[in-house]
Protein backbone atom coordinates (compact mmCIF):
# COMPACT_ATOMS: atom_id res chain seq x y z
CA MET A 1 101.93 84.10 116.08
CA ASP A 2 98.47 85.42 115.23
CA LYS A 3 98.62 89.16 114.84
CA GLY A 4 94.87 89.49 114.23
CA LEU A 5 95.32 90.63 110.63
CA ASP A 6 92.50 90.00 108.15
CA PHE A 7 93.59 88.71 104.72
CA THR A 8 90.08 87.76 103.55
CA ASP A 9 89.91 90.37 100.78
CA ALA A 10 93.64 90.93 100.40
CA THR A 11 95.28 91.39 97.02
CA TRP A 12 98.20 88.98 96.79
CA ILE A 13 101.28 90.00 94.80
CA LYS A 14 103.83 87.64 93.27
CA SER A 15 107.19 88.95 92.10
CA VAL A 16 107.50 89.75 88.40
CA ARG A 17 110.79 87.84 88.61
CA SER A 18 108.87 84.67 89.34
CA TRP A 19 109.21 82.10 86.58
CA ASP A 20 107.82 78.91 88.14
CA GLU A 21 105.61 77.75 91.00
CA ASN A 22 108.29 78.00 93.70
CA CYS A 23 107.42 81.50 94.81
CA VAL A 24 105.88 83.40 97.65
CA GLU A 25 103.21 86.06 97.52
CA VAL A 26 102.78 89.07 99.78
CA ALA A 27 99.70 91.05 100.73
CA PHE A 28 99.62 94.42 102.44
CA VAL A 29 96.64 94.99 104.73
CA SER A 30 95.81 97.46 107.44
CA GLY A 31 98.35 96.95 110.21
CA GLY A 32 100.63 94.46 108.54
CA VAL A 33 101.85 92.17 105.80
CA GLY A 34 101.15 88.54 104.96
CA VAL A 35 103.41 86.08 103.15
CA ARG A 36 102.19 82.78 101.71
CA ASP A 37 103.31 79.99 99.39
CA SER A 38 102.01 80.70 95.88
CA LYS A 39 101.39 77.01 95.16
CA ASN A 40 99.40 76.53 98.38
CA THR A 41 97.19 79.60 98.58
CA ASP A 42 94.86 77.94 101.10
CA GLY A 43 97.80 77.11 103.37
CA PRO A 44 99.22 79.08 106.28
CA ILE A 45 100.02 82.76 106.13
CA LEU A 46 103.04 84.21 107.89
CA SER A 47 102.01 87.59 109.23
CA PHE A 48 104.14 90.55 110.22
CA THR A 49 103.35 93.90 111.75
CA ASP A 50 104.25 96.94 109.66
CA ALA A 51 107.27 97.57 111.91
CA GLU A 52 108.49 93.97 111.58
CA TRP A 53 108.15 94.07 107.79
CA ASP A 54 109.91 97.44 107.55
CA ALA A 55 112.82 96.12 109.66
CA PHE A 56 113.08 92.99 107.47
CA ALA A 57 112.97 94.98 104.22
CA ALA A 58 115.59 97.44 105.51
CA GLY A 59 117.85 94.54 106.50
CA VAL A 60 117.59 93.03 103.02
CA LYS A 61 118.26 96.38 101.37
CA ASP A 62 121.27 97.07 103.59
CA GLY A 63 122.75 93.62 102.97
CA GLU A 64 122.27 92.44 106.56
CA ILE A 65 120.09 89.56 105.36
CA ARG A 66 121.55 87.51 102.56
CA ARG A 67 122.08 83.91 101.56
CA PRO A 68 125.16 82.44 103.23
CA LEU A 69 127.99 81.49 100.92
CA ALA A 70 128.46 77.76 100.51
């Protein structure tokens, strides 16, 4: 869903825990956050409103979002 966010001049951040090319990058812009594949920087950007990103981050921090056990 296009949220109308502009990532043209965004600064993309990759985790310092990244050790290969299989990573994502995030960019914080006015009104939201973008997530993209670090090995395909010209590819699609998933965009989130600030509220959506905050809810996601809180869920990760609280343990609500985690990898299922095999």
